[in-house]
Every structure is written in C-alpha cells, then in structure tokens.
PDB file of all heavy atoms in Angstrom:
ATOM      1  N   SER A   1     -38.712   5.192  17.985  1.00  0.00           N
ATOM      2  CA  SER A   1     -38.963   4.216  16.972  1.00  0.00           C
ATOM      3  C   SER A   1     -40.378   3.692  17.092  1.00  0.00           C
ATOM      4  O   SER A   1     -40.798   2.831  16.344  1.00  0.00           O
ATOM      5  CB  SER A   1     -38.020   3.022  16.994  1.00  0.00           C
ATOM      6  OG  SER A   1     -38.014   2.306  18.172  1.00  0.00           O
ATOM      7  N   GLY A   2     -41.203   4.250  18.026  1.00  0.00           N
ATOM      8  CA  GLY A   2     -42.591   3.845  18.170  1.00  0.00           C
ATOM      9  C   GLY A   2     -43.417   4.636  17.249  1.00  0.00           C
ATOM     10  O   GLY A   2     -42.961   5.502  16.436  1.00  0.00           O
ATOM     11  N   SER A   3     -44.766   4.474  17.313  1.00  0.00           N
ATOM     12  CA  SER A   3     -45.686   5.136  16.355  1.00  0.00           C
ATOM     13  C   SER A   3     -45.605   6.575  16.478  1.00  0.00           C
ATOM     14  O   SER A   3     -45.408   7.333  15.449  1.00  0.00           O
ATOM     15  CB  SER A   3     -47.079   4.631  16.587  1.00  0.00           C
ATOM     16  OG  SER A   3     -47.157   3.211  16.528  1.00  0.00           O
ATOM     17  N   ILE A   4     -45.859   7.182  17.676  1.00  0.00           N
ATOM     18  CA  ILE A   4     -45.822   8.611  17.796  1.00  0.00           C
ATOM     19  C   ILE A   4     -44.332   9.062  17.681  1.00  0.00           C
ATOM     20  O   ILE A   4     -44.151  10.207  17.112  1.00  0.00           O
ATOM     21  CB  ILE A   4     -46.319   9.012  19.201  1.00  0.00           C
ATOM     22  CG1 ILE A   4     -47.818   8.860  19.209  1.00  0.00           C
ATOM     23  CG2 ILE A   4     -45.903  10.369  19.602  1.00  0.00           C
ATOM     24  CD1 ILE A   4     -48.586   9.933  18.353  1.00  0.00           C
ATOM     25  N   GLY A   5     -43.367   8.390  18.210  1.00  0.00           N
ATOM     26  CA  GLY A   5     -42.027   8.794  18.068  1.00  0.00           C
ATOM     27  C   GLY A   5     -41.538   8.969  16.638  1.00  0.00           C
ATOM     28  O   GLY A   5     -40.853   9.898  16.242  1.00  0.00           O
ATOM     29  N   GLN A   6     -41.932   8.075  15.823  1.00  0.00           N
ATOM     30  CA  GLN A   6     -41.534   8.090  14.332  1.00  0.00           C
ATOM     31  C   GLN A   6     -42.171   9.396  13.705  1.00  0.00           C
ATOM     32  O   GLN A   6     -41.573  10.007  12.934  1.00  0.00           O
ATOM     33  CB  GLN A   6     -42.045   6.859  13.603  1.00  0.00           C
ATOM     34  CG  GLN A   6     -41.191   5.641  13.940  1.00  0.00           C
ATOM     35  CD  GLN A   6     -41.553   4.433  13.003  1.00  0.00           C
ATOM     36  OE1 GLN A   6     -41.623   4.582  11.825  1.00  0.00           O
ATOM     37  NE2 GLN A   6     -41.836   3.350  13.540  1.00  0.00           N
ATOM     38  N   GLU A   7     -43.430   9.633  14.077  1.00  0.00           N
ATOM     39  CA  GLU A   7     -44.065  10.845  13.503  1.00  0.00           C
ATOM     40  C   GLU A   7     -43.478  12.128  14.053  1.00  0.00           C
ATOM     41  O   GLU A   7     -43.308  13.116  13.325  1.00  0.00           O
ATOM     42  CB  GLU A   7     -45.568  10.780  13.798  1.00  0.00           C
ATOM     43  CG  GLU A   7     -46.368  11.958  13.168  1.00  0.00           C
ATOM     44  CD  GLU A   7     -46.340  11.957  11.643  1.00  0.00           C
ATOM     45  OE1 GLU A   7     -46.089  10.883  11.002  1.00  0.00           O
ATOM     46  OE2 GLU A   7     -46.483  13.101  11.072  1.00  0.00           O
ATOM     47  N   ILE A   8     -43.096  12.077  15.289  1.00  0.00           N
ATOM     48  CA  ILE A   8     -42.296  13.300  15.841  1.00  0.00           C
ATOM     49  C   ILE A   8     -41.070  13.537  15.124  1.00  0.00           C
ATOM     50  O   ILE A   8     -40.741  14.643  14.674  1.00  0.00           O
ATOM     51  CB  ILE A   8     -41.990  13.017  17.352  1.00  0.00           C
ATOM     52  CG1 ILE A   8     -43.257  13.084  18.186  1.00  0.00           C
ATOM     53  CG2 ILE A   8     -40.993  14.067  17.884  1.00  0.00           C
ATOM     54  CD1 ILE A   8     -43.111  12.735  19.648  1.00  0.00           C
ATOM     55  N   VAL A   9     -40.314  12.490  14.801  1.00  0.00           N
ATOM     56  CA  VAL A   9     -39.069  12.569  14.064  1.00  0.00           C
ATOM     57  C   VAL A   9     -39.391  13.087  12.618  1.00  0.00           C
ATOM     58  O   VAL A   9     -38.702  14.027  12.137  1.00  0.00           O
ATOM     59  CB  VAL A   9     -38.387  11.255  13.973  1.00  0.00           C
ATOM     60  CG1 VAL A   9     -37.203  11.267  12.958  1.00  0.00           C
ATOM     61  CG2 VAL A   9     -37.852  10.796  15.285  1.00  0.00           C
ATOM     62  N   ARG A  10     -40.327  12.563  11.986  1.00  0.00           N
ATOM     63  CA  ARG A  10     -40.742  12.980  10.633  1.00  0.00           C
ATOM     64  C   ARG A  10     -41.024  14.426  10.559  1.00  0.00           C
ATOM     65  O   ARG A  10     -40.550  15.141   9.651  1.00  0.00           O
ATOM     66  CB  ARG A  10     -41.861  12.148  10.088  1.00  0.00           C
ATOM     67  CG  ARG A  10     -42.199  12.328   8.581  1.00  0.00           C
ATOM     68  CD  ARG A  10     -43.428  11.744   8.204  1.00  0.00           C
ATOM     69  NE  ARG A  10     -44.627  12.421   8.707  1.00  0.00           N
ATOM     70  CZ  ARG A  10     -45.106  13.539   8.150  1.00  0.00           C
ATOM     71  NH1 ARG A  10     -44.469  14.140   7.180  1.00  0.00           N
ATOM     72  NH2 ARG A  10     -46.155  14.144   8.694  1.00  0.00           N
ATOM     73  N   GLN A  11     -41.800  14.907  11.531  1.00  0.00           N
ATOM     74  CA  GLN A  11     -42.230  16.336  11.480  1.00  0.00           C
ATOM     75  C   GLN A  11     -41.077  17.268  11.885  1.00  0.00           C
ATOM     76  O   GLN A  11     -40.937  18.329  11.358  1.00  0.00           O
ATOM     77  CB  GLN A  11     -43.479  16.520  12.329  1.00  0.00           C
ATOM     78  CG  GLN A  11     -44.747  15.851  11.709  1.00  0.00           C
ATOM     79  CD  GLN A  11     -45.972  16.417  12.314  1.00  0.00           C
ATOM     80  OE1 GLN A  11     -46.055  17.521  12.793  1.00  0.00           O
ATOM     81  NE2 GLN A  11     -47.015  15.560  12.396  1.00  0.00           N
ATOM     82  N   ILE A  12     -40.350  16.825  12.846  1.00  0.00           N
ATOM     83  CA  ILE A  12     -39.179  17.698  13.253  1.00  0.00           C
ATOM     84  C   ILE A  12     -38.126  17.928  12.199  1.00  0.00           C
ATOM     85  O   ILE A  12     -37.598  18.966  11.989  1.00  0.00           O
ATOM     86  CB  ILE A  12     -38.465  17.001  14.527  1.00  0.00           C
ATOM     87  CG1 ILE A  12     -39.325  17.185  15.769  1.00  0.00           C
ATOM     88  CG2 ILE A  12     -37.112  17.642  14.796  1.00  0.00           C
ATOM     89  CD1 ILE A  12     -38.794  16.495  16.917  1.00  0.00           C
ATOM     90  N   LEU A  13     -37.897  16.828  11.290  1.00  0.00           N
ATOM     91  CA  LEU A  13     -37.022  17.004  10.179  1.00  0.00           C
ATOM     92  C   LEU A  13     -37.362  18.066   9.249  1.00  0.00           C
ATOM     93  O   LEU A  13     -36.469  18.704   8.624  1.00  0.00           O
ATOM     94  CB  LEU A  13     -36.901  15.648   9.455  1.00  0.00           C
ATOM     95  CG  LEU A  13     -36.107  14.548  10.122  1.00  0.00           C
ATOM     96  CD1 LEU A  13     -36.304  13.249   9.382  1.00  0.00           C
ATOM     97  CD2 LEU A  13     -34.582  14.949  10.100  1.00  0.00           C
ATOM     98  N   GLU A  14     -38.637  18.459   9.187  1.00  0.00           N
ATOM     99  CA  GLU A  14     -39.083  19.561   8.259  1.00  0.00           C
ATOM    100  C   GLU A  14     -38.521  20.889   8.758  1.00  0.00           C
ATOM    101  O   GLU A  14     -38.452  21.847   7.977  1.00  0.00           O
ATOM    102  CB  GLU A  14     -40.614  19.604   8.237  1.00  0.00           C
ATOM    103  CG  GLU A  14     -41.204  18.323   7.642  1.00  0.00           C
ATOM    104  CD  GLU A  14     -42.731  18.395   7.705  1.00  0.00           C
ATOM    105  OE1 GLU A  14     -43.292  19.535   8.045  1.00  0.00           O
ATOM    106  OE2 GLU A  14     -43.431  17.380   7.394  1.00  0.00           O
ATOM    107  N   TYR A  15     -38.072  20.977  10.008  1.00  0.00           N
ATOM    108  CA  TYR A  15     -37.606  22.203  10.583  1.00  0.00           C
ATOM    109  C   TYR A  15     -36.130  22.288  10.606  1.00  0.00           C
ATOM    110  O   TYR A  15     -35.497  23.179  11.189  1.00  0.00           O
ATOM    111  CB  TYR A  15     -38.236  22.481  12.013  1.00  0.00           C
ATOM    112  CG  TYR A  15     -39.693  22.725  11.966  1.00  0.00           C
ATOM    113  CD1 TYR A  15     -40.576  21.687  12.066  1.00  0.00           C
ATOM    114  CD2 TYR A  15     -40.155  24.005  11.798  1.00  0.00           C
ATOM    115  CE1 TYR A  15     -41.988  21.892  12.053  1.00  0.00           C
ATOM    116  CE2 TYR A  15     -41.548  24.281  11.732  1.00  0.00           C
ATOM    117  CZ  TYR A  15     -42.460  23.245  11.888  1.00  0.00           C
ATOM    118  OH  TYR A  15     -43.757  23.409  11.867  1.00  0.00           O
ATOM    119  N   GLU A  16     -35.429  21.381   9.988  1.00  0.00           N
ATOM    120  CA  GLU A  16     -33.907  21.305   9.910  1.00  0.00           C
ATOM    121  C   GLU A  16     -33.246  21.508  11.147  1.00  0.00           C
ATOM    122  O   GLU A  16     -32.469  22.445  11.443  1.00  0.00           O
ATOM    123  CB  GLU A  16     -33.527  22.388   8.876  1.00  0.00           C
ATOM    124  CG  GLU A  16     -34.133  22.220   7.459  1.00  0.00           C
ATOM    125  CD  GLU A  16     -33.633  23.226   6.476  1.00  0.00           C
ATOM    126  OE1 GLU A  16     -32.893  24.187   6.861  1.00  0.00           O
ATOM    127  OE2 GLU A  16     -34.077  23.207   5.315  1.00  0.00           O
ATOM    128  N   PRO A  17     -33.408  20.550  12.072  1.00  0.00           N
ATOM    129  CA  PRO A  17     -32.690  20.579  13.383  1.00  0.00           C
ATOM    130  C   PRO A  17     -31.199  20.332  13.096  1.00  0.00           C
ATOM    131  O   PRO A  17     -30.847  19.650  12.071  1.00  0.00           O
ATOM    132  CB  PRO A  17     -33.337  19.496  14.170  1.00  0.00           C
ATOM    133  CG  PRO A  17     -33.829  18.515  13.169  1.00  0.00           C
ATOM    134  CD  PRO A  17     -34.277  19.340  12.086  1.00  0.00           C
ATOM    135  N   ALA A  18     -30.399  20.684  14.023  1.00  0.00           N
ATOM    136  CA  ALA A  18     -28.926  20.328  13.869  1.00  0.00           C
ATOM    137  C   ALA A  18     -28.714  18.808  13.946  1.00  0.00           C
ATOM    138  O   ALA A  18     -27.956  18.237  13.279  1.00  0.00           O
ATOM    139  CB  ALA A  18     -28.117  21.102  14.953  1.00  0.00           C
ATOM    140  N   ALA A  19     -29.500  18.178  14.859  1.00  0.00           N
ATOM    141  CA  ALA A  19     -29.399  16.738  15.040  1.00  0.00           C
ATOM    142  C   ALA A  19     -30.639  16.154  15.695  1.00  0.00           C
ATOM    143  O   ALA A  19     -31.235  16.885  16.512  1.00  0.00           O
ATOM    144  CB  ALA A  19     -28.114  16.370  15.822  1.00  0.00           C
ATOM    145  N   ILE A  20     -30.993  14.950  15.371  1.00  0.00           N
ATOM    146  CA  ILE A  20     -32.026  14.302  16.004  1.00  0.00           C
ATOM    147  C   ILE A  20     -31.476  12.909  16.531  1.00  0.00           C
ATOM    148  O   ILE A  20     -30.919  12.162  15.721  1.00  0.00           O
ATOM    149  CB  ILE A  20     -33.272  13.950  15.130  1.00  0.00           C
ATOM    150  CG1 ILE A  20     -33.911  15.221  14.596  1.00  0.00           C
ATOM    151  CG2 ILE A  20     -34.316  13.056  15.891  1.00  0.00           C
ATOM    152  CD1 ILE A  20     -35.081  15.006  13.710  1.00  0.00           C
ATOM    153  N   ARG A  21     -31.567  12.716  17.802  1.00  0.00           N
ATOM    154  CA  ARG A  21     -31.151  11.432  18.411  1.00  0.00           C
ATOM    155  C   ARG A  21     -32.435  10.583  18.703  1.00  0.00           C
ATOM    156  O   ARG A  21     -33.369  11.010  19.403  1.00  0.00           O
ATOM    157  CB  ARG A  21     -30.433  11.617  19.681  1.00  0.00           C
ATOM    158  CG  ARG A  21     -29.060  12.485  19.425  1.00  0.00           C
ATOM    159  CD  ARG A  21     -28.414  12.764  20.762  1.00  0.00           C
ATOM    160  NE  ARG A  21     -27.338  13.694  20.516  1.00  0.00           N
ATOM    161  CZ  ARG A  21     -26.547  14.233  21.514  1.00  0.00           C
ATOM    162  NH1 ARG A  21     -26.845  13.944  22.808  1.00  0.00           N
ATOM    163  NH2 ARG A  21     -25.602  15.050  21.298  1.00  0.00           N
ATOM    164  N   ILE A  22     -32.481   9.383  18.094  1.00  0.00           N
ATOM    165  CA  ILE A  22     -33.595   8.481  18.240  1.00  0.00           C
ATOM    166  C   ILE A  22     -33.205   7.452  19.273  1.00  0.00           C
ATOM    167  O   ILE A  22     -32.271   6.647  19.070  1.00  0.00           O
ATOM    168  CB  ILE A  22     -34.009   7.872  16.948  1.00  0.00           C
ATOM    169  CG1 ILE A  22     -34.477   8.986  16.011  1.00  0.00           C
ATOM    170  CG2 ILE A  22     -35.128   6.821  17.156  1.00  0.00           C
ATOM    171  CD1 ILE A  22     -34.594   8.547  14.555  1.00  0.00           C
ATOM    172  N   PHE A  23     -33.845   7.479  20.405  1.00  0.00           N
ATOM    173  CA  PHE A  23     -33.491   6.627  21.552  1.00  0.00           C
ATOM    174  C   PHE A  23     -34.587   5.628  21.800  1.00  0.00           C
ATOM    175  O   PHE A  23     -35.733   6.004  22.053  1.00  0.00           O
ATOM    176  CB  PHE A  23     -33.258   7.449  22.876  1.00  0.00           C
ATOM    177  CG  PHE A  23     -32.855   6.730  24.057  1.00  0.00           C
ATOM    178  CD1 PHE A  23     -31.528   6.631  24.416  1.00  0.00           C
ATOM    179  CD2 PHE A  23     -33.779   6.109  24.928  1.00  0.00           C
ATOM    180  CE1 PHE A  23     -31.067   5.950  25.578  1.00  0.00           C
ATOM    181  CE2 PHE A  23     -33.371   5.356  26.008  1.00  0.00           C
ATOM    182  CZ  PHE A  23     -32.045   5.311  26.323  1.00  0.00           C
ATOM    183  N   SER A  24     -34.282   4.311  21.632  1.00  0.00           N
ATOM    184  CA  SER A  24     -35.290   3.289  21.909  1.00  0.00           C
ATOM    185  C   SER A  24     -34.649   1.976  22.058  1.00  0.00           C
ATOM    186  O   SER A  24     -33.417   1.794  21.823  1.00  0.00           O
ATOM    187  CB  SER A  24     -36.328   3.233  20.814  1.00  0.00           C
ATOM    188  OG  SER A  24     -35.832   2.543  19.657  1.00  0.00           O
ATOM    189  N   ARG A  25     -35.453   0.955  22.545  1.00  0.00           N
ATOM    190  CA  ARG A  25     -34.836  -0.395  22.749  1.00  0.00           C
ATOM    191  C   ARG A  25     -35.169  -1.343  21.554  1.00  0.00           C
ATOM    192  O   ARG A  25     -34.758  -2.472  21.542  1.00  0.00           O
ATOM    193  CB  ARG A  25     -35.358  -0.993  24.068  1.00  0.00           C
ATOM    194  CG  ARG A  25     -36.851  -1.187  24.084  1.00  0.00           C
ATOM    195  CD  ARG A  25     -37.357  -1.741  25.430  1.00  0.00           C
ATOM    196  NE  ARG A  25     -38.733  -2.005  25.428  1.00  0.00           N
ATOM    197  CZ  ARG A  25     -39.441  -2.448  26.523  1.00  0.00           C
ATOM    198  NH1 ARG A  25     -38.766  -2.694  27.596  1.00  0.00           N
ATOM    199  NH2 ARG A  25     -40.750  -2.687  26.386  1.00  0.00           N
TER     200      ARG A  25
END
C-alpha cells in the first residue's frame, strides 16, 4: 500500500495473475 507497492500492484494486474496479496500495516 506504499508508493512503490501500489505501482507494483497496478502493473502486475496488467499480466492477469491468479491472485495478488497486498500485505501492509
């Protein structure tokens, strides 16, 4: 949920992963 983490999630979604788990405090 941080700056780089959010962008990682956004770009990974373009590759249609089975699941993305976002881990943060």
